[in-house]
Amino acid sequence: MAHRELPASAAGPNLNQFVAGSEGILGVITAATVKIHRVPAERDYRGFFFKDFEAGAKAVRTILQEELPVAMLRLSDGPETHFLQSFSAAQKPPGALERAAMQALAWRGYGEGRCLMIVGLEGDRETVLESQVRTRAIIERLGGVHLGNRPGERWYSKRFAMPYMRDPMLDRGIAVETLETSVRWSDLHNLYRGVHLAIHDALRDNAADPEARAIVMCHLSHGYVDGASLYFTMIFPQKQGAEVEQWLAIKRAASDAIVAGGGTISHHHGVGTDHAPWLLREKGEVGVALLAGLKDSLDPKHTCNPGKVLPG
């Protein structure tokens, strides 16, 4: 491949992002500039409950569209909230005071189906305090109830522990799989329901046995002014001897539902080879032709990462 310099001053940030996000099919990155930030003087992570996922998503959208300086917004749907709280309780059973508080919230309507939101704020003290007041005002106006810092601090301290459970569970015949998409706010809830139903039906139709039960969870952890990502997690017993076929059936059903609902076939996991068959339906003929034209121009011999991203 011929060397082609793409300085930011000449190419602009959009083309640089295009090349960086192409999963290696347009070239090789040989140098990078790293920007270092100071450790924030103040860090505040706290939790809120919403009665349902739609109310929580509306709060996320409002906070982002008002451009408040948040470090993190994470909204779990009802099944994920239940799973996380049950998992936490199994590790450390709640005390009498915590059980009483949960019961009181249930009486107020924050019971079955409630959704947990974690709001993270970082920066100088004044910025964090101002953002804390403004985010809480939005959340409570839209039906959220404040839980204090404990849920946020617990999430922050344990945020890297959960993925390490995947391999031991696979060793015991329990699959843990994830997939994600992104969509405009106007289509988010229809897409959420459509993909959730498609995964649920595929898990039922491809269950290990008639008594097998699965868990389908979702959270919103990457939000923008114009839309957000939906991140689904599935936990299910594997079909012994047909694990790949079971996974493929579930993956196809979810991917079909994502594209049919107007979502992107991936948000940050990438297209690779698994998602390439759905890229044409998402991007359209013009979009795929544009990417293929760049590939032919920058890598005419198709040396870089052949077979990835582009269908066929």
C-alpha atoms as a PDB file:
ATOM      1  CA  MET A   1       0.000   0.000   0.000  1.00  0.00           C
ATOM      2  CA  ALA A   2       1.306   3.438  -0.887  1.00  0.00           C
ATOM      3  CA  HIS A   3       1.972   5.832   1.998  1.00  0.00           C
ATOM      4  CA  ARG A   4      -0.639   8.585   2.180  1.00  0.00           C
ATOM      5  CA  GLU A   5      -0.299  11.249   4.843  1.00  0.00           C
ATOM      6  CA  LEU A   6      -3.544  12.429   6.425  1.00  0.00           C
ATOM      7  CA  PRO A   7      -2.611  15.421   8.584  1.00  0.00           C
ATOM      8  CA  ALA A   8      -5.484  16.847  10.619  1.00  0.00           C
ATOM      9  CA  SER A   9      -4.956  20.321   9.165  1.00  0.00           C
ATOM     10  CA  ALA A  10      -5.459  19.064   5.620  1.00  0.00           C
ATOM     11  CA  ALA A  11      -7.769  16.073   5.965  1.00  0.00           C
ATOM     12  CA  GLY A  12      -9.942  17.376   8.782  1.00  0.00           C
ATOM     13  CA  PRO A  13     -11.207  15.363  11.743  1.00  0.00           C
ATOM     14  CA  ASN A  14     -14.009  13.621   9.850  1.00  0.00           C
ATOM     15  CA  LEU A  15     -11.732  11.802   7.400  1.00  0.00           C
ATOM     16  CA  ASN A  16      -9.351  10.864  10.214  1.00  0.00           C
ATOM     17  CA  GLN A  17     -12.278   9.361  12.134  1.00  0.00           C
ATOM     18  CA  PHE A  18     -13.399   7.559   8.982  1.00  0.00           C
ATOM     19  CA  VAL A  19      -9.984   5.907   8.645  1.00  0.00           C
ATOM     20  CA  ALA A  20      -9.672   5.174  12.367  1.00  0.00           C
ATOM     21  CA  GLY A  21     -13.127   3.586  12.462  1.00  0.00           C
ATOM     22  CA  SER A  22     -12.654   1.407   9.398  1.00  0.00           C
ATOM     23  CA  GLU A  23     -11.271  -1.541  11.414  1.00  0.00           C
ATOM     24  CA  GLY A  24      -8.029  -1.523   9.475  1.00  0.00           C
ATOM     25  CA  ILE A  25      -9.399  -1.920   5.949  1.00  0.00           C
ATOM     26  CA  LEU A  26      -8.238   1.536   4.811  1.00  0.00           C
ATOM     27  CA  GLY A  27      -4.741   1.604   6.253  1.00  0.00           C
ATOM     28  CA  VAL A  28      -2.479   1.147   9.233  1.00  0.00           C
ATOM     29  CA  ILE A  29      -2.166   3.689  12.043  1.00  0.00           C
ATOM     30  CA  THR A  30       1.540   4.149  12.726  1.00  0.00           C
ATOM     31  CA  ALA A  31       1.511   7.059  15.177  1.00  0.00           C
ATOM     32  CA  ALA A  32      -0.864   8.641  17.656  1.00  0.00           C
ATOM     33  CA  THR A  33      -0.987  11.749  19.801  1.00  0.00           C
ATOM     34  CA  VAL A  34      -2.060  11.166  23.389  1.00  0.00           C
ATOM     35  CA  LYS A  35      -3.813  13.892  25.364  1.00  0.00           C
ATOM     36  CA  ILE A  36      -3.323  13.712  29.106  1.00  0.00           C
ATOM     37  CA  HIS A  37      -5.895  15.097  31.540  1.00  0.00           C
ATOM     38  CA  ARG A  38      -5.385  15.877  35.184  1.00  0.00           C
ATOM     39  CA  VAL A  39      -7.096  13.598  37.685  1.00  0.00           C
ATOM     40  CA  PRO A  40     -10.392  15.355  38.559  1.00  0.00           C
ATOM     41  CA  ALA A  41     -10.413  17.183  41.849  1.00  0.00           C
ATOM     42  CA  GLU A  42     -13.933  15.973  42.624  1.00  0.00           C
ATOM     43  CA  ARG A  43     -15.800  12.783  41.710  1.00  0.00           C
ATOM     44  CA  ASP A  44     -19.465  12.130  42.475  1.00  0.00           C
ATOM     45  CA  TYR A  45     -21.376   8.969  41.448  1.00  0.00           C
ATOM     46  CA  ARG A  46     -24.928   8.462  42.708  1.00  0.00           C
ATOM     47  CA  GLY A  47     -28.039   6.442  41.946  1.00  0.00           C
ATOM     48  CA  PHE A  48     -31.685   7.092  41.089  1.00  0.00           C
ATOM     49  CA  PHE A  49     -34.727   4.902  40.516  1.00  0.00           C
ATOM     50  CA  PHE A  50     -37.287   5.393  37.755  1.00  0.00           C
ATOM     51  CA  LYS A  51     -40.586   3.557  37.559  1.00  0.00           C
ATOM     52  CA  ASP A  52     -39.902   2.498  33.969  1.00  0.00           C
ATOM     53  CA  PHE A  53     -37.298   2.609  31.218  1.00  0.00           C
ATOM     54  CA  GLU A  54     -39.055   5.285  29.154  1.00  0.00           C
ATOM     55  CA  ALA A  55     -39.036   7.794  32.017  1.00  0.00           C
ATOM     56  CA  GLY A  56     -35.357   7.162  32.671  1.00  0.00           C
ATOM     57  CA  ALA A  57     -34.466   7.507  28.991  1.00  0.00           C
ATOM     58  CA  LYS A  58     -36.300  10.830  28.856  1.00  0.00           C
ATOM     59  CA  ALA A  59     -34.165  12.075  31.750  1.00  0.00           C
ATOM     60  CA  VAL A  60     -30.968  10.959  29.999  1.00  0.00           C
ATOM     61  CA  ARG A  61     -32.053  12.713  26.823  1.00  0.00           C
ATOM     62  CA  THR A  62     -32.926  15.927  28.674  1.00  0.00           C
ATOM     63  CA  ILE A  63     -29.616  16.042  30.551  1.00  0.00           C
ATOM     64  CA  LEU A  64     -27.633  15.511  27.347  1.00  0.00           C
ATOM     65  CA  GLN A  65     -29.627  17.991  25.282  1.00  0.00           C
ATOM     66  CA  GLU A  66     -29.158  20.621  27.976  1.00  0.00           C
ATOM     67  CA  GLU A  67     -25.411  19.902  27.581  1.00  0.00           C
ATOM     68  CA  LEU A  68     -24.695  19.394  31.273  1.00  0.00           C
ATOM     69  CA  PRO A  69     -21.082  18.267  31.900  1.00  0.00           C
ATOM     70  CA  VAL A  70     -21.650  14.688  33.046  1.00  0.00           C
ATOM     71  CA  ALA A  71     -18.890  12.067  33.089  1.00  0.00           C
ATOM     72  CA  MET A  72     -21.260   9.112  32.847  1.00  0.00           C
ATOM     73  CA  LEU A  73     -24.965   8.315  32.514  1.00  0.00           C
ATOM     74  CA  ARG A  74     -26.069   4.688  32.735  1.00  0.00           C
ATOM     75  CA  LEU A  75     -29.696   3.554  32.745  1.00  0.00           C
ATOM     76  CA  SER A  76     -30.523  -0.130  33.317  1.00  0.00           C
ATOM     77  CA  ASP A  77     -33.889  -1.540  32.292  1.00  0.00           C
ATOM     78  CA  GLY A  78     -36.073  -3.476  34.730  1.00  0.00           C
ATOM     79  CA  PRO A  79     -34.527  -6.951  34.175  1.00  0.00           C
ATOM     80  CA  GLU A  80     -30.956  -5.628  34.443  1.00  0.00           C
ATOM     81  CA  THR A  81     -31.799  -3.627  37.572  1.00  0.00           C
ATOM     82  CA  HIS A  82     -33.309  -6.732  39.167  1.00  0.00           C
ATOM     83  CA  PHE A  83     -30.296  -8.849  38.165  1.00  0.00           C
ATOM     84  CA  LEU A  84     -27.749  -6.345  39.482  1.00  0.00           C
ATOM     85  CA  GLN A  85     -29.543  -5.904  42.784  1.00  0.00           C
ATOM     86  CA  SER A  86     -30.004  -9.654  43.232  1.00  0.00           C
ATOM     87  CA  PHE A  87     -26.342 -10.273  42.419  1.00  0.00           C
ATOM     88  CA  SER A  88     -25.284  -7.590  44.895  1.00  0.00           C
ATOM     89  CA  ALA A  89     -27.581  -8.982  47.587  1.00  0.00           C
ATOM     90  CA  ALA A  90     -26.143 -12.465  47.090  1.00  0.00           C
ATOM     91  CA  GLN A  91     -22.657 -11.108  47.738  1.00  0.00           C
ATOM     92  CA  LYS A  92     -23.684  -8.889  50.641  1.00  0.00           C
ATOM     93  CA  PRO A  93     -27.222  -9.366  52.011  1.00  0.00           C
ATOM     94  CA  PRO A  94     -28.972  -6.044  52.683  1.00  0.00           C
ATOM     95  CA  GLY A  95     -29.520  -4.986  56.278  1.00  0.00           C
ATOM     96  CA  ALA A  96     -32.859  -4.249  57.919  1.00  0.00           C
ATOM     97  CA  LEU A  97     -32.657  -0.532  57.149  1.00  0.00           C
ATOM     98  CA  GLU A  98     -31.932  -1.115  53.453  1.00  0.00           C
ATOM     99  CA  ARG A  99     -34.755  -3.666  53.164  1.00  0.00           C
ATOM    100  CA  ALA A 100     -37.159  -1.213  54.776  1.00  0.00           C
ATOM    101  CA  ALA A 101     -36.076   1.540  52.371  1.00  0.00           C
ATOM    102  CA  MET A 102     -36.640  -0.740  49.361  1.00  0.00           C
ATOM    103  CA  GLN A 103     -40.076  -1.682  50.663  1.00  0.00           C
ATOM    104  CA  ALA A 104     -40.983   1.977  51.114  1.00  0.00           C
ATOM    105  CA  LEU A 105     -39.928   2.698  47.531  1.00  0.00           C
ATOM    106  CA  ALA A 106     -42.019  -0.229  46.297  1.00  0.00           C
ATOM    107  CA  TRP A 107     -45.080   1.247  48.035  1.00  0.00           C
ATOM    108  CA  ARG A 108     -44.420   4.467  46.123  1.00  0.00           C
ATOM    109  CA  GLY A 109     -44.463   2.623  42.811  1.00  0.00           C
ATOM    110  CA  TYR A 110     -40.736   1.929  42.442  1.00  0.00           C
ATOM    111  CA  GLY A 111     -41.160  -1.819  42.694  1.00  0.00           C
ATOM    112  CA  GLU A 112     -41.285  -4.427  39.959  1.00  0.00           C
ATOM    113  CA  GLY A 113     -39.889  -3.016  36.716  1.00  0.00           C
ATOM    114  CA  ARG A 114     -38.014  -0.163  38.389  1.00  0.00           C
ATOM    115  CA  CYS A 115     -34.928   1.049  36.540  1.00  0.00           C
ATOM    116  CA  LEU A 116     -31.631   2.129  38.068  1.00  0.00           C
ATOM    117  CA  MET A 117     -29.771   5.164  36.755  1.00  0.00           C
ATOM    118  CA  ILE A 118     -26.189   5.944  37.753  1.00  0.00           C
ATOM    119  CA  VAL A 119     -25.048   9.538  37.252  1.00  0.00           C
ATOM    120  CA  GLY A 120     -21.315  10.230  37.372  1.00  0.00           C
ATOM    121  CA  LEU A 121     -19.868  13.728  37.709  1.00  0.00           C
ATOM    122  CA  GLU A 122     -16.164  14.634  37.627  1.00  0.00           C
ATOM    123  CA  GLY A 123     -14.211  17.879  37.546  1.00  0.00           C
ATOM    124  CA  ASP A 124     -13.500  20.831  39.775  1.00  0.00           C
ATOM    125  CA  ARG A 125     -15.645  21.200  42.882  1.00  0.00           C
ATOM    126  CA  GLU A 126     -17.792  24.066  41.563  1.00  0.00           C
ATOM    127  CA  THR A 127     -18.626  22.269  38.309  1.00  0.00           C
ATOM    128  CA  VAL A 128     -19.517  19.036  40.084  1.00  0.00           C
ATOM    129  CA  LEU A 129     -21.746  20.777  42.622  1.00  0.00           C
ATOM    130  CA  GLU A 130     -23.572  22.781  39.953  1.00  0.00           C
ATOM    131  CA  SER A 131     -24.067  19.705  37.776  1.00  0.00           C
ATOM    132  CA  GLN A 132     -25.269  17.717  40.764  1.00  0.00           C
ATOM    133  CA  VAL A 133     -28.006  20.267  41.467  1.00  0.00           C
ATOM    134  CA  ARG A 134     -29.075  20.564  37.838  1.00  0.00           C
ATOM    135  CA  THR A 135     -29.075  16.836  37.002  1.00  0.00           C
ATOM    136  CA  ARG A 136     -30.986  15.979  40.163  1.00  0.00           C
ATOM    137  CA  ALA A 137     -33.585  18.663  39.416  1.00  0.00           C
ATOM    138  CA  ILE A 138     -34.169  17.223  35.926  1.00  0.00           C
ATOM    139  CA  ILE A 139     -34.326  13.643  37.199  1.00  0.00           C
ATOM    140  CA  GLU A 140     -36.774  14.386  40.006  1.00  0.00           C
ATOM    141  CA  ARG A 141     -38.938  16.514  37.706  1.00  0.00           C
ATOM    142  CA  LEU A 142     -39.237  13.516  35.368  1.00  0.00           C
ATOM    143  CA  GLY A 143     -40.143  11.043  38.096  1.00  0.00           C
ATOM    144  CA  GLY A 144     -36.794   9.817  39.390  1.00  0.00           C
ATOM    145  CA  VAL A 145     -36.119   9.265  43.082  1.00  0.00           C
ATOM    146  CA  HIS A 146     -32.715   9.905  44.627  1.00  0.00           C
ATOM    147  CA  LEU A 147     -30.930   6.926  46.243  1.00  0.00           C
ATOM    148  CA  GLY A 148     -27.762   8.649  47.411  1.00  0.00           C
ATOM    149  CA  ASN A 149     -24.120   7.881  46.664  1.00  0.00           C
ATOM    150  CA  ARG A 150     -24.001   4.239  47.704  1.00  0.00           C
ATOM    151  CA  PRO A 151     -25.325   2.703  44.442  1.00  0.00           C
ATOM    152  CA  GLY A 152     -22.972   4.884  42.399  1.00  0.00           C
ATOM    153  CA  GLU A 153     -19.923   4.129  44.515  1.00  0.00           C
ATOM    154  CA  ARG A 154     -20.741   0.413  44.448  1.00  0.00           C
ATOM    155  CA  TRP A 155     -21.001   0.466  40.662  1.00  0.00           C
ATOM    156  CA  TYR A 156     -17.746   2.430  40.333  1.00  0.00           C
ATOM    157  CA  SER A 157     -15.782   0.048  42.536  1.00  0.00           C
ATOM    158  CA  LYS A 158     -17.173  -3.127  40.862  1.00  0.00           C
ATOM    159  CA  ARG A 159     -17.465  -1.954  37.251  1.00  0.00           C
ATOM    160  CA  PHE A 160     -14.656  -4.173  35.910  1.00  0.00           C
ATOM    161  CA  ALA A 161     -15.499  -7.296  37.937  1.00  0.00           C
ATOM    162  CA  MET A 162     -18.599  -8.548  36.076  1.00  0.00           C
ATOM    163  CA  PRO A 163     -16.905  -9.450  32.731  1.00  0.00           C
ATOM    164  CA  TYR A 164     -14.585 -11.878  34.531  1.00  0.00           C
ATOM    165  CA  MET A 165     -17.600 -14.079  35.295  1.00  0.00           C
ATOM    166  CA  ARG A 166     -18.097 -14.936  31.639  1.00  0.00           C
ATOM    167  CA  ASP A 167     -15.499 -17.698  31.212  1.00  0.00           C
ATOM    168  CA  PRO A 168     -16.332 -19.594  34.451  1.00  0.00           C
ATOM    169  CA  MET A 169     -20.006 -19.537  33.451  1.00  0.00           C
ATOM    170  CA  LEU A 170     -19.181 -20.840  29.962  1.00  0.00           C
ATOM    171  CA  ASP A 171     -17.256 -23.686  31.616  1.00  0.00           C
ATOM    172  CA  ARG A 172     -20.519 -24.600  33.343  1.00  0.00           C
ATOM    173  CA  GLY A 173     -22.665 -24.469  30.199  1.00  0.00           C
ATOM    174  CA  ILE A 174     -24.087 -20.972  30.751  1.00  0.00           C
ATOM    175  CA  ALA A 175     -23.583 -18.483  27.934  1.00  0.00           C
ATOM    176  CA  VAL A 176     -23.193 -14.754  28.537  1.00  0.00           C
ATOM    177  CA  GLU A 177     -23.500 -12.785  25.300  1.00  0.00           C
ATOM    178  CA  THR A 178     -23.773  -9.093  24.522  1.00  0.00           C
ATOM    179  CA  LEU A 179     -24.718  -7.023  21.500  1.00  0.00           C
ATOM    180  CA  GLU A 180     -25.303  -3.331  20.987  1.00  0.00           C
ATOM    181  CA  THR A 181     -26.784  -0.822  18.589  1.00  0.00           C
ATOM    182  CA  SER A 182     -27.473   2.895  18.386  1.00  0.00           C
ATOM    183  CA  VAL A 183     -30.538   4.787  17.224  1.00  0.00           C
ATOM    184  CA  ARG A 184     -32.131   8.219  17.188  1.00  0.00           C
ATOM    185  CA  TRP A 185     -34.167   9.167  20.241  1.00  0.00           C
ATOM    186  CA  SER A 186     -37.416   9.103  18.259  1.00  0.00           C
ATOM    187  CA  ASP A 187     -36.960   5.394  17.474  1.00  0.00           C
ATOM    188  CA  LEU A 188     -35.282   4.252  20.684  1.00  0.00           C
ATOM    189  CA  HIS A 189     -38.234   2.705  22.510  1.00  0.00           C
ATOM    190  CA  ASN A 190     -39.654   0.909  19.471  1.00  0.00           C
ATOM    191  CA  LEU A 191     -36.196  -0.508  18.766  1.00  0.00           C
ATOM    192  CA  TYR A 192     -35.745  -1.528  22.408  1.00  0.00           C
ATOM    193  CA  ARG A 193     -39.039  -3.427  22.431  1.00  0.00           C
ATOM    194  CA  GLY A 194     -38.462  -4.999  19.007  1.00  0.00           C
ATOM    195  CA  VAL A 195     -34.967  -6.277  19.749  1.00  0.00           C
ATOM    196  CA  HIS A 196     -35.895  -7.442  23.244  1.00  0.00           C
ATOM    197  CA  LEU A 197     -38.816  -9.449  21.827  1.00  0.00           C
ATOM    198  CA  ALA A 198     -36.708 -10.900  18.996  1.00  0.00           C
ATOM    199  CA  ILE A 199     -34.005 -12.069  21.420  1.00  0.00           C
ATOM    200  CA  HIS A 200     -36.583 -13.487  23.827  1.00  0.00           C
ATOM    201  CA  ASP A 201     -38.332 -15.435  21.057  1.00  0.00           C
ATOM    202  CA  ALA A 202     -35.043 -16.732  19.615  1.00  0.00           C
ATOM    203  CA  LEU A 203     -33.875 -17.884  23.050  1.00  0.00           C
ATOM    204  CA  ARG A 204     -37.179 -19.719  23.545  1.00  0.00           C
ATOM    205  CA  ASP A 205     -37.095 -21.340  20.095  1.00  0.00           C
ATOM    206  CA  ASN A 206     -33.460 -22.414  20.545  1.00  0.00           C
ATOM    207  CA  ALA A 207     -33.529 -23.307  24.223  1.00  0.00           C
ATOM    208  CA  ALA A 208     -31.321 -26.072  25.559  1.00  0.00           C
ATOM    209  CA  ASP A 209     -34.443 -27.876  26.834  1.00  0.00           C
ATOM    210  CA  PRO A 210     -38.114 -27.066  27.542  1.00  0.00           C
ATOM    211  CA  GLU A 211     -37.325 -26.122  31.147  1.00  0.00           C
ATOM    212  CA  ALA A 212     -34.436 -23.799  30.287  1.00  0.00           C
ATOM    213  CA  ARG A 213     -34.798 -20.177  31.317  1.00  0.00           C
ATOM    214  CA  ALA A 214     -32.927 -17.148  29.999  1.00  0.00           C
ATOM    215  CA  ILE A 215     -32.356 -13.565  31.108  1.00  0.00           C
ATOM    216  CA  VAL A 216     -32.472 -10.670  28.628  1.00  0.00           C
ATOM    217  CA  MET A 217     -31.239  -7.321  29.945  1.00  0.00           C
ATOM    218  CA  CYS A 218     -30.466  -3.924  28.455  1.00  0.00           C
ATOM    219  CA  HIS A 219     -28.862  -0.662  29.458  1.00  0.00           C
ATOM    220  CA  LEU A 220     -28.302   2.746  27.945  1.00  0.00           C
ATOM    221  CA  SER A 221     -24.727   3.826  28.650  1.00  0.00           C
ATOM    222  CA  HIS A 222     -23.711   5.927  25.627  1.00  0.00           C
ATOM    223  CA  GLY A 223     -25.971   8.876  24.958  1.00  0.00           C
ATOM    224  CA  TYR A 224     -25.782  11.836  22.608  1.00  0.00           C
ATOM    225  CA  VAL A 225     -27.802  14.905  21.719  1.00  0.00           C
ATOM    226  CA  ASP A 226     -29.527  13.096  18.833  1.00  0.00           C
ATOM    227  CA  GLY A 227     -29.677   9.497  20.048  1.00  0.00           C
ATOM    228  CA  ALA A 228     -28.250   6.740  22.204  1.00  0.00           C
ATOM    229  CA  SER A 229     -26.859   3.231  22.275  1.00  0.00           C
ATOM    230  CA  LEU A 230     -28.784   0.212  23.563  1.00  0.00           C
ATOM    231  CA  TYR A 231     -26.582  -2.521  25.035  1.00  0.00           C
ATOM    232  CA  PHE A 232     -28.208  -5.937  25.442  1.00  0.00           C
ATOM    233  CA  THR A 233     -26.935  -8.779  27.628  1.00  0.00           C
ATOM    234  CA  MET A 234     -28.245 -12.350  27.501  1.00  0.00           C
ATOM    235  CA  ILE A 235     -27.612 -15.179  29.950  1.00  0.00           C
ATOM    236  CA  PHE A 236     -28.871 -18.608  28.883  1.00  0.00           C
ATOM    237  CA  PRO A 237     -28.115 -22.361  29.127  1.00  0.00           C
ATOM    238  CA  GLN A 238     -26.217 -23.629  26.109  1.00  0.00           C
ATOM    239  CA  LYS A 239     -27.300 -26.439  23.821  1.00  0.00           C
ATOM    240  CA  GLN A 240     -24.573 -28.977  24.419  1.00  0.00           C
ATOM    241  CA  GLY A 241     -23.040 -30.009  21.104  1.00  0.00           C
ATOM    242  CA  ALA A 242     -24.871 -27.243  19.215  1.00  0.00           C
ATOM    243  CA  GLU A 243     -23.567 -24.136  20.969  1.00  0.00           C
ATOM    244  CA  VAL A 244     -22.534 -22.319  17.778  1.00  0.00           C
ATOM    245  CA  GLU A 245     -25.800 -23.044  15.977  1.00  0.00           C
ATOM    246  CA  GLN A 246     -27.773 -21.804  18.992  1.00  0.00           C
ATOM    247  CA  TRP A 247     -25.730 -18.604  19.166  1.00  0.00           C
ATOM    248  CA  LEU A 248     -26.056 -17.960  15.413  1.00  0.00           C
ATOM    249  CA  ALA A 249     -29.847 -18.270  15.523  1.00  0.00           C
ATOM    250  CA  ILE A 250     -30.078 -15.763  18.370  1.00  0.00           C
ATOM    251  CA  LYS A 251     -27.582 -13.406  16.722  1.00  0.00           C
ATOM    252  CA  ARG A 252     -29.438 -13.446  13.403  1.00  0.00           C
ATOM    253  CA  ALA A 253     -32.791 -12.746  15.043  1.00  0.00           C
ATOM    254  CA  ALA A 254     -31.368  -9.826  17.034  1.00  0.00           C
ATOM    255  CA  SER A 255     -29.511  -8.371  14.035  1.00  0.00           C
ATOM    256  CA  ASP A 256     -32.591  -8.582  11.796  1.00  0.00           C
ATOM    257  CA  ALA A 257     -34.627  -6.771  14.454  1.00  0.00           C
ATOM    258  CA  ILE A 258     -31.976  -4.087  14.884  1.00  0.00           C
ATOM    259  CA  VAL A 259     -31.824  -3.209  11.194  1.00  0.00           C
ATOM    260  CA  ALA A 260     -35.608  -3.448  10.798  1.00  0.00           C
ATOM    261  CA  GLY A 261     -36.026  -1.030  13.705  1.00  0.00           C
ATOM    262  CA  GLY A 262     -33.694   1.602  12.250  1.00  0.00           C
ATOM    263  CA  GLY A 263     -30.693   0.864  14.460  1.00  0.00           C
ATOM    264  CA  THR A 264     -27.042   0.606  13.494  1.00  0.00           C
ATOM    265  CA  ILE A 265     -25.732  -2.934  13.271  1.00  0.00           C
ATOM    266  CA  SER A 266     -23.112  -2.022  15.861  1.00  0.00           C
ATOM    267  CA  HIS A 267     -22.313   0.943  18.067  1.00  0.00           C
ATOM    268  CA  HIS A 268     -18.780   0.298  19.335  1.00  0.00           C
ATOM    269  CA  HIS A 269     -18.140  -3.459  19.108  1.00  0.00           C
ATOM    270  CA  GLY A 270     -17.489  -3.074  15.393  1.00  0.00           C
ATOM    271  CA  VAL A 271     -18.703  -4.679  12.171  1.00  0.00           C
ATOM    272  CA  GLY A 272     -15.916  -7.203  11.558  1.00  0.00           C
ATOM    273  CA  THR A 273     -17.251 -10.323   9.860  1.00  0.00           C
ATOM    274  CA  ASP A 274     -20.172 -11.143  12.169  1.00  0.00           C
ATOM    275  CA  HIS A 275     -22.146  -8.014  11.292  1.00  0.00           C
ATOM    276  CA  ALA A 276     -21.042  -7.524   7.668  1.00  0.00           C
ATOM    277  CA  PRO A 277     -24.134  -9.280   6.185  1.00  0.00           C
ATOM    278  CA  TRP A 278     -26.360  -6.557   7.675  1.00  0.00           C
ATOM    279  CA  LEU A 279     -24.214  -3.555   6.658  1.00  0.00           C
ATOM    280  CA  LEU A 280     -25.843  -3.120   3.243  1.00  0.00           C
ATOM    281  CA  ARG A 281     -29.321  -2.973   4.776  1.00  0.00           C
ATOM    282  CA  GLU A 282     -28.162  -0.384   7.289  1.00  0.00           C
ATOM    283  CA  LYS A 283     -26.007   1.881   5.097  1.00  0.00           C
ATOM    284  CA  GLY A 284     -27.719   1.348   1.752  1.00  0.00           C
ATOM    285  CA  GLU A 285     -26.080   0.823  -1.622  1.00  0.00           C
ATOM    286  CA  VAL A 286     -24.649   4.345  -1.785  1.00  0.00           C
ATOM    287  CA  GLY A 287     -23.085   4.125   1.678  1.00  0.00           C
ATOM    288  CA  VAL A 288     -21.453   0.760   1.032  1.00  0.00           C
ATOM    289  CA  ALA A 289     -20.303   1.880  -2.434  1.00  0.00           C
ATOM    290  CA  LEU A 290     -18.666   4.942  -0.850  1.00  0.00           C
ATOM    291  CA  LEU A 291     -16.742   2.790   1.617  1.00  0.00           C
ATOM    292  CA  ALA A 292     -15.797   0.316  -1.122  1.00  0.00           C
ATOM    293  CA  GLY A 293     -14.573   3.198  -3.303  1.00  0.00           C
ATOM    294  CA  LEU A 294     -12.347   4.471  -0.498  1.00  0.00           C
ATOM    295  CA  LYS A 295     -11.028   0.940  -0.031  1.00  0.00           C
ATOM    296  CA  ASP A 296     -10.185   0.625  -3.740  1.00  0.00           C
ATOM    297  CA  SER A 297      -8.487   4.030  -3.719  1.00  0.00           C
ATOM    298  CA  LEU A 298      -6.444   3.723  -0.521  1.00  0.00           C
ATOM    299  CA  ASP A 299      -5.781  -0.020  -0.691  1.00  0.00           C
ATOM    300  CA  PRO A 300      -6.170  -1.117  -4.349  1.00  0.00           C
ATOM    301  CA  LYS A 301      -4.677  -4.567  -3.727  1.00  0.00           C
ATOM    302  CA  HIS A 302      -6.957  -5.150  -0.706  1.00  0.00           C
ATOM    303  CA  THR A 303      -3.967  -5.925   1.491  1.00  0.00           C
ATOM    304  CA  CYS A 304      -5.343  -4.412   4.693  1.00  0.00           C
ATOM    305  CA  ASN A 305      -7.550  -6.668   6.821  1.00  0.00           C
ATOM    306  CA  PRO A 306      -9.220  -8.448   3.879  1.00  0.00           C
ATOM    307  CA  GLY A 307     -12.736  -9.783   4.315  1.00  0.00           C
ATOM    308  CA  LYS A 308     -13.690  -7.404   7.136  1.00  0.00           C
ATOM    309  CA  VAL A 309     -16.545  -4.883   7.261  1.00  0.00           C
ATOM    310  CA  LEU A 310     -17.517  -4.865   3.584  1.00  0.00           C
ATOM    311  CA  PRO A 311     -20.074  -7.538   2.665  1.00  0.00           C
ATOM    312  CA  GLY A 312     -19.120 -10.091   0.082  1.00  0.00           C
END
